[in-house]
């Protein structure tokens, strides 16, 4: 008989009932609808304990990798400590600044010491706190098996209260607080022959750079095309690093796209428009979108109409906050 811990209360779950049935039997208010694993209303996060594989049926591989499951079809094989998605408050994790490196005129790479037992998937994001009131979300550009630090690419916004602090006031050796890693925009092992399309603008390159490196490190054999867009050539950073990847891996291809300055050797136009023009058929492709919310929203529709399955489209768009 497994024990279910939810909101600091423990419930005995018999071998014949699901997690949802157990909670309802004990009078716990819990979201559900179809009770057959279709609607995903009862999506649940296992904080401690591994849910059975069959309870993750229909979930994205990224959700399964983070131990999400469907309570209505889960007959637990061991004790589980659970929560509803996004129900828990951020855990404050202390770390320190290892280095700051300007990637172009507007974007700094902030490298943080990796706290003990800190777990993340390349391409996820974390919350960086300036104080108890101000925090912002930034994607992780590093890969744990390749990099010793947690790297963030932070663009300085006009009157940015957090980005300005990072650029102008934060020093090497300073202590900062971060949250646990979050988000579903990362690479998962499986279908190594599947083609991948990565489209990003500005500092939205950060998670794509991590995802591409992670996929290549894990032996992905399908074609990987990364389109990075900016208004002008100076905004296309990490060009040498991306070109080195292209030279080292025949399946990886980098395309720099410039939307306003046409006096460059890069492709002229918006990254998502160029990517869709050059790749009009995306059936069975895996697609990652990162950058300006408007671009992400528009591109989701474009790649879906081009044949990409909704379950193969990954994006963590952020609102632009000063």
C-alpha atoms as a PDB file:
ATOM      1  CA  UNK A   1       0.000   0.000   0.000  1.00  0.00           C
ATOM      2  CA  UNK A   2       1.532   3.294  -1.141  1.00  0.00           C
ATOM      3  CA  UNK A   3       1.407   6.549   0.783  1.00  0.00           C
ATOM      4  CA  UNK A   4       0.436   9.771  -1.015  1.00  0.00           C
ATOM      5  CA  UNK A   5       1.622  13.061   0.485  1.00  0.00           C
ATOM      6  CA  UNK A   6      -0.249  16.136  -0.741  1.00  0.00           C
ATOM      7  CA  UNK A   7      -0.152  19.595   0.862  1.00  0.00           C
ATOM      8  CA  UNK A   8       1.582  18.167   3.978  1.00  0.00           C
ATOM      9  CA  UNK A   9      -1.132  15.542   4.500  1.00  0.00           C
ATOM     10  CA  UNK A  10      -0.615  11.791   4.073  1.00  0.00           C
ATOM     11  CA  UNK A  11      -3.133   9.400   2.531  1.00  0.00           C
ATOM     12  CA  UNK A  12      -3.011   5.602   2.270  1.00  0.00           C
ATOM     13  CA  UNK A  13      -3.626   4.451  -1.306  1.00  0.00           C
ATOM     14  CA  UNK A  14      -4.769   0.878  -1.789  1.00  0.00           C
ATOM     15  CA  UNK A  15      -3.281  -1.222  -4.562  1.00  0.00           C
ATOM     16  CA  UNK A  16      -6.571  -1.228  -6.478  1.00  0.00           C
ATOM     17  CA  UNK A  17      -7.133   2.544  -6.668  1.00  0.00           C
ATOM     18  CA  UNK A  18      -5.571   5.431  -8.516  1.00  0.00           C
ATOM     19  CA  UNK A  19      -4.079   8.510  -6.902  1.00  0.00           C
ATOM     20  CA  UNK A  20      -7.181  10.482  -7.881  1.00  0.00           C
ATOM     21  CA  UNK A  21      -9.512   7.873  -6.406  1.00  0.00           C
ATOM     22  CA  UNK A  22      -7.481   7.837  -3.203  1.00  0.00           C
ATOM     23  CA  UNK A  23      -7.630  11.617  -2.804  1.00  0.00           C
ATOM     24  CA  UNK A  24     -11.331  11.786  -3.580  1.00  0.00           C
ATOM     25  CA  UNK A  25     -12.032   8.950  -1.109  1.00  0.00           C
ATOM     26  CA  UNK A  26     -10.370  11.060   1.564  1.00  0.00           C
ATOM     27  CA  UNK A  27     -12.443  14.112   0.646  1.00  0.00           C
ATOM     28  CA  UNK A  28      -9.634  16.052  -1.016  1.00  0.00           C
ATOM     29  CA  UNK A  29     -10.690  18.622  -3.622  1.00  0.00           C
ATOM     30  CA  UNK A  30      -8.605  17.827  -6.701  1.00  0.00           C
ATOM     31  CA  UNK A  31      -9.049  18.820 -10.363  1.00  0.00           C
ATOM     32  CA  UNK A  32     -10.274  16.155 -12.778  1.00  0.00           C
ATOM     33  CA  UNK A  33     -12.674  15.659 -15.671  1.00  0.00           C
ATOM     34  CA  UNK A  34     -12.537  12.635 -17.971  1.00  0.00           C
ATOM     35  CA  UNK A  35     -10.954  10.225 -15.443  1.00  0.00           C
ATOM     36  CA  UNK A  36      -9.478   8.256 -18.346  1.00  0.00           C
ATOM     37  CA  UNK A  37      -6.159  10.005 -19.007  1.00  0.00           C
ATOM     38  CA  UNK A  38      -7.323  12.061 -21.967  1.00  0.00           C
ATOM     39  CA  UNK A  39      -8.125  15.609 -20.838  1.00  0.00           C
ATOM     40  CA  UNK A  40      -5.058  15.994 -18.548  1.00  0.00           C
ATOM     41  CA  UNK A  41      -7.074  18.053 -16.042  1.00  0.00           C
ATOM     42  CA  UNK A  42      -5.516  16.014 -13.225  1.00  0.00           C
ATOM     43  CA  UNK A  43      -1.898  16.622 -14.310  1.00  0.00           C
ATOM     44  CA  UNK A  44       0.239  16.124 -11.212  1.00  0.00           C
ATOM     45  CA  UNK A  45       3.895  16.643 -10.321  1.00  0.00           C
ATOM     46  CA  UNK A  46       5.742  14.003  -8.313  1.00  0.00           C
ATOM     47  CA  UNK A  47       8.150  15.834  -6.019  1.00  0.00           C
ATOM     48  CA  UNK A  48       9.585  12.681  -4.483  1.00  0.00           C
ATOM     49  CA  UNK A  49       9.150   9.252  -6.043  1.00  0.00           C
ATOM     50  CA  UNK A  50       8.886   7.998  -9.606  1.00  0.00           C
ATOM     51  CA  UNK A  51       5.388   7.539 -11.066  1.00  0.00           C
ATOM     52  CA  UNK A  52       4.628   4.442 -13.170  1.00  0.00           C
ATOM     53  CA  UNK A  53       5.365   4.877 -16.877  1.00  0.00           C
ATOM     54  CA  UNK A  54       1.805   4.069 -17.895  1.00  0.00           C
ATOM     55  CA  UNK A  55       0.555   7.022 -15.808  1.00  0.00           C
ATOM     56  CA  UNK A  56       2.479   9.352 -18.162  1.00  0.00           C
ATOM     57  CA  UNK A  57       0.670   8.220 -21.290  1.00  0.00           C
ATOM     58  CA  UNK A  58      -0.046  11.135 -23.637  1.00  0.00           C
ATOM     59  CA  UNK A  59       2.300  13.575 -21.907  1.00  0.00           C
ATOM     60  CA  UNK A  60       5.116  15.365 -23.678  1.00  0.00           C
ATOM     61  CA  UNK A  61       8.504  13.684 -23.145  1.00  0.00           C
ATOM     62  CA  UNK A  62       9.646  16.826 -21.334  1.00  0.00           C
ATOM     63  CA  UNK A  63       6.790  16.492 -18.842  1.00  0.00           C
ATOM     64  CA  UNK A  64       7.541  12.822 -18.262  1.00  0.00           C
ATOM     65  CA  UNK A  65      11.214  13.628 -17.747  1.00  0.00           C
ATOM     66  CA  UNK A  66      10.216  15.957 -14.892  1.00  0.00           C
ATOM     67  CA  UNK A  67       8.048  13.262 -13.221  1.00  0.00           C
ATOM     68  CA  UNK A  68       4.649  14.659 -14.188  1.00  0.00           C
ATOM     69  CA  UNK A  69       1.835  12.117 -14.426  1.00  0.00           C
ATOM     70  CA  UNK A  70      -1.954  11.813 -14.641  1.00  0.00           C
ATOM     71  CA  UNK A  71      -3.529  11.121 -11.261  1.00  0.00           C
ATOM     72  CA  UNK A  72      -6.620   9.477 -12.758  1.00  0.00           C
ATOM     73  CA  UNK A  73      -4.654   6.586 -14.296  1.00  0.00           C
ATOM     74  CA  UNK A  74      -1.821   6.311 -11.776  1.00  0.00           C
ATOM     75  CA  UNK A  75      -1.798   3.288  -9.494  1.00  0.00           C
ATOM     76  CA  UNK A  76       1.345   4.078  -7.502  1.00  0.00           C
ATOM     77  CA  UNK A  77       3.986   1.433  -7.014  1.00  0.00           C
ATOM     78  CA  UNK A  78       5.769   3.404  -4.271  1.00  0.00           C
ATOM     79  CA  UNK A  79       5.187   6.357  -1.961  1.00  0.00           C
ATOM     80  CA  UNK A  80       4.697   9.660  -3.786  1.00  0.00           C
ATOM     81  CA  UNK A  81       4.938  13.245  -2.606  1.00  0.00           C
ATOM     82  CA  UNK A  82       2.889  15.268  -5.072  1.00  0.00           C
ATOM     83  CA  UNK A  83       1.741  18.760  -5.964  1.00  0.00           C
ATOM     84  CA  UNK A  84      -0.352  20.404  -8.629  1.00  0.00           C
ATOM     85  CA  UNK A  85       1.672  22.028 -11.434  1.00  0.00           C
ATOM     86  CA  UNK A  86       3.122  25.402 -10.411  1.00  0.00           C
ATOM     87  CA  UNK A  87       1.507  25.105  -6.983  1.00  0.00           C
ATOM     88  CA  UNK A  88       4.659  25.384  -4.921  1.00  0.00           C
ATOM     89  CA  UNK A  89       6.450  28.645  -4.243  1.00  0.00           C
ATOM     90  CA  UNK A  90       9.963  29.184  -5.540  1.00  0.00           C
ATOM     91  CA  UNK A  91      12.643  27.658  -3.397  1.00  0.00           C
ATOM     92  CA  UNK A  92      15.347  30.260  -2.823  1.00  0.00           C
ATOM     93  CA  UNK A  93      18.740  28.809  -3.764  1.00  0.00           C
ATOM     94  CA  UNK A  94      21.905  30.771  -3.074  1.00  0.00           C
ATOM     95  CA  UNK A  95      24.849  30.822  -5.452  1.00  0.00           C
ATOM     96  CA  UNK A  96      27.542  33.276  -6.536  1.00  0.00           C
ATOM     97  CA  UNK A  97      28.702  35.062  -9.669  1.00  0.00           C
ATOM     98  CA  UNK A  98      31.688  33.367 -11.308  1.00  0.00           C
ATOM     99  CA  UNK A  99      32.092  35.623 -14.343  1.00  0.00           C
ATOM    100  CA  UNK A 100      30.448  38.214 -16.575  1.00  0.00           C
ATOM    101  CA  UNK A 101      31.210  38.295 -20.302  1.00  0.00           C
ATOM    102  CA  UNK A 102      29.735  40.688 -22.853  1.00  0.00           C
ATOM    103  CA  UNK A 103      28.448  38.725 -25.854  1.00  0.00           C
ATOM    104  CA  UNK A 104      27.552  41.890 -27.792  1.00  0.00           C
ATOM    105  CA  UNK A 105      26.700  45.488 -26.920  1.00  0.00           C
ATOM    106  CA  UNK A 106      23.448  44.551 -25.163  1.00  0.00           C
ATOM    107  CA  UNK A 107      23.780  40.983 -23.881  1.00  0.00           C
ATOM    108  CA  UNK A 108      25.957  39.727 -21.042  1.00  0.00           C
ATOM    109  CA  UNK A 109      26.689  36.107 -20.223  1.00  0.00           C
ATOM    110  CA  UNK A 110      26.247  35.755 -16.479  1.00  0.00           C
ATOM    111  CA  UNK A 111      27.973  32.604 -15.235  1.00  0.00           C
ATOM    112  CA  UNK A 112      26.877  31.317 -11.824  1.00  0.00           C
ATOM    113  CA  UNK A 113      28.350  28.603  -9.631  1.00  0.00           C
ATOM    114  CA  UNK A 114      26.244  25.458  -9.879  1.00  0.00           C
ATOM    115  CA  UNK A 115      24.833  24.761  -6.390  1.00  0.00           C
ATOM    116  CA  UNK A 116      25.242  21.274  -4.989  1.00  0.00           C
ATOM    117  CA  UNK A 117      22.563  18.899  -6.316  1.00  0.00           C
ATOM    118  CA  UNK A 118      21.114  21.616  -8.569  1.00  0.00           C
ATOM    119  CA  UNK A 119      19.342  19.815 -11.410  1.00  0.00           C
ATOM    120  CA  UNK A 120      18.325  21.329 -14.717  1.00  0.00           C
ATOM    121  CA  UNK A 121      17.720  20.407 -18.324  1.00  0.00           C
ATOM    122  CA  UNK A 122      19.541  22.605 -20.880  1.00  0.00           C
ATOM    123  CA  UNK A 123      17.039  25.132 -22.224  1.00  0.00           C
ATOM    124  CA  UNK A 124      14.917  25.400 -19.072  1.00  0.00           C
ATOM    125  CA  UNK A 125      14.670  28.746 -17.271  1.00  0.00           C
ATOM    126  CA  UNK A 126      15.179  29.949 -13.720  1.00  0.00           C
ATOM    127  CA  UNK A 127      14.135  33.018 -11.748  1.00  0.00           C
ATOM    128  CA  UNK A 128      16.940  35.367 -10.749  1.00  0.00           C
ATOM    129  CA  UNK A 129      16.143  37.575  -7.760  1.00  0.00           C
ATOM    130  CA  UNK A 130      17.447  41.075  -7.239  1.00  0.00           C
ATOM    131  CA  UNK A 131      15.638  41.277  -3.893  1.00  0.00           C
ATOM    132  CA  UNK A 132      12.494  39.950  -2.222  1.00  0.00           C
ATOM    133  CA  UNK A 133      10.308  41.918  -4.653  1.00  0.00           C
ATOM    134  CA  UNK A 134      12.073  41.952  -8.017  1.00  0.00           C
ATOM    135  CA  UNK A 135      12.911  38.851 -10.026  1.00  0.00           C
ATOM    136  CA  UNK A 136      13.052  37.929 -13.697  1.00  0.00           C
ATOM    137  CA  UNK A 137      13.061  34.668 -15.652  1.00  0.00           C
ATOM    138  CA  UNK A 138      16.105  33.804 -17.768  1.00  0.00           C
ATOM    139  CA  UNK A 139      16.768  30.742 -19.901  1.00  0.00           C
ATOM    140  CA  UNK A 140      19.745  28.516 -19.155  1.00  0.00           C
ATOM    141  CA  UNK A 141      22.337  28.451 -21.933  1.00  0.00           C
ATOM    142  CA  UNK A 142      24.667  25.868 -20.404  1.00  0.00           C
ATOM    143  CA  UNK A 143      24.792  22.074 -20.480  1.00  0.00           C
ATOM    144  CA  UNK A 144      25.632  20.324 -17.175  1.00  0.00           C
ATOM    145  CA  UNK A 145      27.795  17.609 -18.729  1.00  0.00           C
ATOM    146  CA  UNK A 146      29.753  20.200 -20.740  1.00  0.00           C
ATOM    147  CA  UNK A 147      29.850  23.316 -18.538  1.00  0.00           C
ATOM    148  CA  UNK A 148      30.866  23.838 -14.923  1.00  0.00           C
ATOM    149  CA  UNK A 149      28.715  26.950 -14.493  1.00  0.00           C
ATOM    150  CA  UNK A 150      25.061  27.870 -15.002  1.00  0.00           C
ATOM    151  CA  UNK A 151      25.086  30.408 -17.830  1.00  0.00           C
ATOM    152  CA  UNK A 152      22.408  33.021 -18.513  1.00  0.00           C
ATOM    153  CA  UNK A 153      22.269  35.450 -21.454  1.00  0.00           C
ATOM    154  CA  UNK A 154      20.785  38.707 -20.172  1.00  0.00           C
ATOM    155  CA  UNK A 155      19.903  41.583 -22.486  1.00  0.00           C
ATOM    156  CA  UNK A 156      19.941  45.043 -20.923  1.00  0.00           C
ATOM    157  CA  UNK A 157      16.503  46.604 -21.297  1.00  0.00           C
ATOM    158  CA  UNK A 158      15.869  50.357 -21.211  1.00  0.00           C
ATOM    159  CA  UNK A 159      15.233  51.189 -17.556  1.00  0.00           C
ATOM    160  CA  UNK A 160      15.490  47.477 -16.775  1.00  0.00           C
ATOM    161  CA  UNK A 161      15.438  47.115 -13.005  1.00  0.00           C
ATOM    162  CA  UNK A 162      16.903  43.607 -12.981  1.00  0.00           C
ATOM    163  CA  UNK A 163      18.831  43.537 -16.259  1.00  0.00           C
ATOM    164  CA  UNK A 164      20.351  46.949 -15.439  1.00  0.00           C
ATOM    165  CA  UNK A 165      21.385  45.650 -12.023  1.00  0.00           C
ATOM    166  CA  UNK A 166      23.026  42.608 -13.615  1.00  0.00           C
ATOM    167  CA  UNK A 167      24.887  44.671 -16.210  1.00  0.00           C
ATOM    168  CA  UNK A 168      25.948  47.628 -14.072  1.00  0.00           C
ATOM    169  CA  UNK A 169      26.052  46.600 -10.415  1.00  0.00           C
ATOM    170  CA  UNK A 170      26.483  42.859 -10.018  1.00  0.00           C
ATOM    171  CA  UNK A 171      30.112  41.888  -9.491  1.00  0.00           C
ATOM    172  CA  UNK A 172      32.127  38.701  -9.658  1.00  0.00           C
ATOM    173  CA  UNK A 173      31.913  36.947  -6.301  1.00  0.00           C
ATOM    174  CA  UNK A 174      28.557  38.489  -5.346  1.00  0.00           C
ATOM    175  CA  UNK A 175      25.954  36.170  -3.861  1.00  0.00           C
ATOM    176  CA  UNK A 176      22.639  35.902  -5.698  1.00  0.00           C
ATOM    177  CA  UNK A 177      19.509  33.817  -5.275  1.00  0.00           C
ATOM    178  CA  UNK A 178      17.897  31.717  -7.969  1.00  0.00           C
ATOM    179  CA  UNK A 179      14.933  29.366  -8.194  1.00  0.00           C
ATOM    180  CA  UNK A 180      14.837  25.759  -9.241  1.00  0.00           C
ATOM    181  CA  UNK A 181      14.854  25.201 -13.005  1.00  0.00           C
ATOM    182  CA  UNK A 182      11.464  25.268 -14.711  1.00  0.00           C
ATOM    183  CA  UNK A 183       9.882  24.853 -18.135  1.00  0.00           C
ATOM    184  CA  UNK A 184       9.340  22.264 -20.851  1.00  0.00           C
ATOM    185  CA  UNK A 185      11.603  23.682 -23.552  1.00  0.00           C
ATOM    186  CA  UNK A 186      14.460  21.169 -23.575  1.00  0.00           C
ATOM    187  CA  UNK A 187      15.771  18.139 -25.453  1.00  0.00           C
ATOM    188  CA  UNK A 188      14.730  14.615 -24.510  1.00  0.00           C
ATOM    189  CA  UNK A 189      16.415  11.404 -25.587  1.00  0.00           C
ATOM    190  CA  UNK A 190      14.319   9.399 -28.030  1.00  0.00           C
ATOM    191  CA  UNK A 191      13.764   9.547 -31.805  1.00  0.00           C
ATOM    192  CA  UNK A 192      17.438  10.340 -32.504  1.00  0.00           C
ATOM    193  CA  UNK A 193      16.715  10.449 -36.251  1.00  0.00           C
ATOM    194  CA  UNK A 194      13.986  13.095 -35.899  1.00  0.00           C
ATOM    195  CA  UNK A 195      14.769  16.430 -37.547  1.00  0.00           C
ATOM    196  CA  UNK A 196      14.803  19.505 -35.306  1.00  0.00           C
ATOM    197  CA  UNK A 197      14.029  23.138 -36.136  1.00  0.00           C
ATOM    198  CA  UNK A 198      15.154  25.827 -33.674  1.00  0.00           C
ATOM    199  CA  UNK A 199      14.034  29.448 -34.161  1.00  0.00           C
ATOM    200  CA  UNK A 200      15.019  32.283 -31.841  1.00  0.00           C
ATOM    201  CA  UNK A 201      15.411  36.051 -31.687  1.00  0.00           C
ATOM    202  CA  UNK A 202      17.732  38.163 -29.547  1.00  0.00           C
ATOM    203  CA  UNK A 203      18.727  36.504 -26.281  1.00  0.00           C
ATOM    204  CA  UNK A 204      16.239  33.749 -27.154  1.00  0.00           C
ATOM    205  CA  UNK A 205      19.340  32.118 -28.613  1.00  0.00           C
ATOM    206  CA  UNK A 206      20.346  31.072 -25.067  1.00  0.00           C
ATOM    207  CA  UNK A 207      18.074  28.028 -24.665  1.00  0.00           C
ATOM    208  CA  UNK A 208      18.479  27.026 -28.325  1.00  0.00           C
ATOM    209  CA  UNK A 209      22.262  27.020 -27.977  1.00  0.00           C
ATOM    210  CA  UNK A 210      21.918  24.763 -24.931  1.00  0.00           C
ATOM    211  CA  UNK A 211      19.365  22.464 -26.598  1.00  0.00           C
ATOM    212  CA  UNK A 212      21.464  22.040 -29.748  1.00  0.00           C
ATOM    213  CA  UNK A 213      24.647  21.273 -27.808  1.00  0.00           C
ATOM    214  CA  UNK A 214      22.788  18.878 -25.523  1.00  0.00           C
ATOM    215  CA  UNK A 215      21.237  17.025 -28.461  1.00  0.00           C
ATOM    216  CA  UNK A 216      24.571  16.700 -30.245  1.00  0.00           C
ATOM    217  CA  UNK A 217      26.318  15.582 -27.067  1.00  0.00           C
ATOM    218  CA  UNK A 218      23.679  12.875 -26.619  1.00  0.00           C
ATOM    219  CA  UNK A 219      24.174  11.578 -30.132  1.00  0.00           C
ATOM    220  CA  UNK A 220      21.190  13.035 -31.993  1.00  0.00           C
ATOM    221  CA  UNK A 221      21.551  12.026 -35.633  1.00  0.00           C
ATOM    222  CA  UNK A 222      18.692  13.887 -37.308  1.00  0.00           C
ATOM    223  CA  UNK A 223      19.173  17.258 -38.978  1.00  0.00           C
ATOM    224  CA  UNK A 224      19.293  20.214 -36.565  1.00  0.00           C
ATOM    225  CA  UNK A 225      18.661  23.649 -38.093  1.00  0.00           C
ATOM    226  CA  UNK A 226      19.046  26.747 -35.910  1.00  0.00           C
ATOM    227  CA  UNK A 227      17.766  30.108 -37.182  1.00  0.00           C
ATOM    228  CA  UNK A 228      18.748  33.128 -35.072  1.00  0.00           C
ATOM    229  CA  UNK A 229      17.244  36.514 -35.881  1.00  0.00           C
ATOM    230  CA  UNK A 230      18.100  40.109 -35.059  1.00  0.00           C
ATOM    231  CA  UNK A 231      17.434  43.534 -36.531  1.00  0.00           C
ATOM    232  CA  UNK A 232      21.090  43.959 -37.459  1.00  0.00           C
ATOM    233  CA  UNK A 233      24.239  41.863 -37.662  1.00  0.00           C
ATOM    234  CA  UNK A 234      25.611  43.098 -34.327  1.00  0.00           C
ATOM    235  CA  UNK A 235      22.755  41.308 -32.586  1.00  0.00           C
ATOM    236  CA  UNK A 236      23.849  37.913 -33.913  1.00  0.00           C
ATOM    237  CA  UNK A 237      26.157  36.762 -31.153  1.00  0.00           C
ATOM    238  CA  UNK A 238      27.966  33.405 -30.596  1.00  0.00           C
ATOM    239  CA  UNK A 239      28.512  33.243 -34.336  1.00  0.00           C
ATOM    240  CA  UNK A 240      31.954  31.655 -34.034  1.00  0.00           C
ATOM    241  CA  UNK A 241      30.738  29.062 -31.548  1.00  0.00           C
ATOM    242  CA  UNK A 242      27.781  28.158 -33.749  1.00  0.00           C
ATOM    243  CA  UNK A 243      29.968  27.966 -36.841  1.00  0.00           C
ATOM    244  CA  UNK A 244      32.322  25.638 -34.960  1.00  0.00           C
ATOM    245  CA  UNK A 245      29.358  23.363 -34.222  1.00  0.00           C
ATOM    246  CA  UNK A 246      28.433  23.434 -37.920  1.00  0.00           C
ATOM    247  CA  UNK A 247      31.983  22.472 -38.858  1.00  0.00           C
ATOM    248  CA  UNK A 248      32.125  19.703 -36.243  1.00  0.00           C
ATOM    249  CA  UNK A 249      28.729  18.084 -36.837  1.00  0.00           C
ATOM    250  CA  UNK A 250      27.419  17.494 -40.349  1.00  0.00           C
ATOM    251  CA  UNK A 251      23.828  17.307 -39.061  1.00  0.00           C
ATOM    252  CA  UNK A 252      23.939  20.792 -37.493  1.00  0.00           C
ATOM    253  CA  UNK A 253      23.270  23.953 -39.535  1.00  0.00           C
ATOM    254  CA  UNK A 254      23.289  27.572 -38.334  1.00  0.00           C
ATOM    255  CA  UNK A 255      21.536  30.445 -40.115  1.00  0.00           C
ATOM    256  CA  UNK A 256      21.887  34.075 -39.052  1.00  0.00           C
ATOM    257  CA  UNK A 257      18.953  36.286 -40.112  1.00  0.00           C
ATOM    258  CA  UNK A 258      18.875  40.088 -40.169  1.00  0.00           C
ATOM    259  CA  UNK A 259      15.535  41.866 -40.591  1.00  0.00           C
ATOM    260  CA  UNK A 260      16.538  45.519 -41.153  1.00  0.00           C
ATOM    261  CA  UNK A 261      20.165  45.789 -42.260  1.00  0.00           C
ATOM    262  CA  UNK A 262      20.401  44.164 -45.691  1.00  0.00           C
ATOM    263  CA  UNK A 263      24.041  45.167 -46.205  1.00  0.00           C
ATOM    264  CA  UNK A 264      25.406  41.969 -44.620  1.00  0.00           C
ATOM    265  CA  UNK A 265      26.334  38.440 -45.615  1.00  0.00           C
ATOM    266  CA  UNK A 266      23.492  37.072 -43.485  1.00  0.00           C
ATOM    267  CA  UNK A 267      20.044  36.181 -44.767  1.00  0.00           C
ATOM    268  CA  UNK A 268      17.696  39.147 -44.955  1.00  0.00           C
ATOM    269  CA  UNK A 269      14.341  38.829 -43.238  1.00  0.00           C
ATOM    270  CA  UNK A 270      12.754  37.622 -40.026  1.00  0.00           C
ATOM    271  CA  UNK A 271      14.093  34.332 -38.701  1.00  0.00           C
ATOM    272  CA  UNK A 272      10.710  32.602 -38.500  1.00  0.00           C
ATOM    273  CA  UNK A 273       9.722  33.655 -42.033  1.00  0.00           C
ATOM    274  CA  UNK A 274      13.022  32.453 -43.485  1.00  0.00           C
ATOM    275  CA  UNK A 275      12.902  29.191 -41.536  1.00  0.00           C
ATOM    276  CA  UNK A 276       9.373  28.394 -42.744  1.00  0.00           C
ATOM    277  CA  UNK A 277      10.181  29.354 -46.334  1.00  0.00           C
ATOM    278  CA  UNK A 278      13.194  27.049 -46.379  1.00  0.00           C
ATOM    279  CA  UNK A 279      11.423  24.276 -44.452  1.00  0.00           C
ATOM    280  CA  UNK A 280       7.771  24.330 -45.598  1.00  0.00           C
ATOM    281  CA  UNK A 281       7.037  20.705 -44.617  1.00  0.00           C
ATOM    282  CA  UNK A 282       7.520  20.021 -40.897  1.00  0.00           C
ATOM    283  CA  UNK A 283       5.615  16.794 -40.410  1.00  0.00           C
ATOM    284  CA  UNK A 284       7.458  14.630 -37.835  1.00  0.00           C
ATOM    285  CA  UNK A 285       9.854  17.491 -36.970  1.00  0.00           C
ATOM    286  CA  UNK A 286      10.562  18.628 -33.423  1.00  0.00           C
ATOM    287  CA  UNK A 287      10.367  22.445 -33.148  1.00  0.00           C
ATOM    288  CA  UNK A 288      11.745  24.814 -30.494  1.00  0.00           C
ATOM    289  CA  UNK A 289      10.754  28.502 -30.395  1.00  0.00           C
ATOM    290  CA  UNK A 290      12.351  31.095 -28.116  1.00  0.00           C
ATOM    291  CA  UNK A 291      12.396  34.873 -28.070  1.00  0.00           C
ATOM    292  CA  UNK A 292       9.926  37.719 -28.391  1.00  0.00           C
ATOM    293  CA  UNK A 293       6.390  36.606 -27.378  1.00  0.00           C
ATOM    294  CA  UNK A 294       4.870  37.864 -30.636  1.00  0.00           C
ATOM    295  CA  UNK A 295       7.343  35.856 -32.695  1.00  0.00           C
ATOM    296  CA  UNK A 296       6.738  32.735 -30.599  1.00  0.00           C
ATOM    297  CA  UNK A 297       2.957  33.070 -30.871  1.00  0.00           C
ATOM    298  CA  UNK A 298       3.034  33.619 -34.630  1.00  0.00           C
ATOM    299  CA  UNK A 299       5.554  30.839 -35.214  1.00  0.00           C
ATOM    300  CA  UNK A 300       3.526  28.299 -33.235  1.00  0.00           C
ATOM    301  CA  UNK A 301       0.709  28.753 -35.723  1.00  0.00           C
ATOM    302  CA  UNK A 302       3.063  28.700 -38.707  1.00  0.00           C
ATOM    303  CA  UNK A 303       4.860  25.489 -37.784  1.00  0.00           C
ATOM    304  CA  UNK A 304       1.580  23.769 -36.859  1.00  0.00           C
ATOM    305  CA  UNK A 305       0.122  24.638 -40.267  1.00  0.00           C
ATOM    306  CA  UNK A 306       3.362  23.350 -41.814  1.00  0.00           C
ATOM    307  CA  UNK A 307       2.631  19.926 -40.330  1.00  0.00           C
ATOM    308  CA  UNK A 308       4.387  19.887 -36.959  1.00  0.00           C
ATOM    309  CA  UNK A 309       2.434  18.050 -34.274  1.00  0.00           C
ATOM    310  CA  UNK A 310       1.365  20.202 -31.325  1.00  0.00           C
ATOM    311  CA  UNK A 311       3.129  17.737 -29.019  1.00  0.00           C
ATOM    312  CA  UNK A 312       6.394  18.366 -30.902  1.00  0.00           C
ATOM    313  CA  UNK A 313       6.313  22.174 -30.502  1.00  0.00           C
ATOM    314  CA  UNK A 314       8.227  23.507 -27.488  1.00  0.00           C
ATOM    315  CA  UNK A 315       8.315  27.116 -26.328  1.00  0.00           C
ATOM    316  CA  UNK A 316       8.801  29.120 -23.128  1.00  0.00           C
ATOM    317  CA  UNK A 317       7.942  32.697 -24.170  1.00  0.00           C
ATOM    318  CA  UNK A 318       8.562  35.451 -21.627  1.00  0.00           C
ATOM    319  CA  UNK A 319       6.831  38.772 -21.224  1.00  0.00           C
ATOM    320  CA  UNK A 320       9.254  41.648 -21.601  1.00  0.00           C
ATOM    321  CA  UNK A 321       9.363  43.388 -18.211  1.00  0.00           C
ATOM    322  CA  UNK A 322      11.599  46.341 -17.281  1.00  0.00           C
END
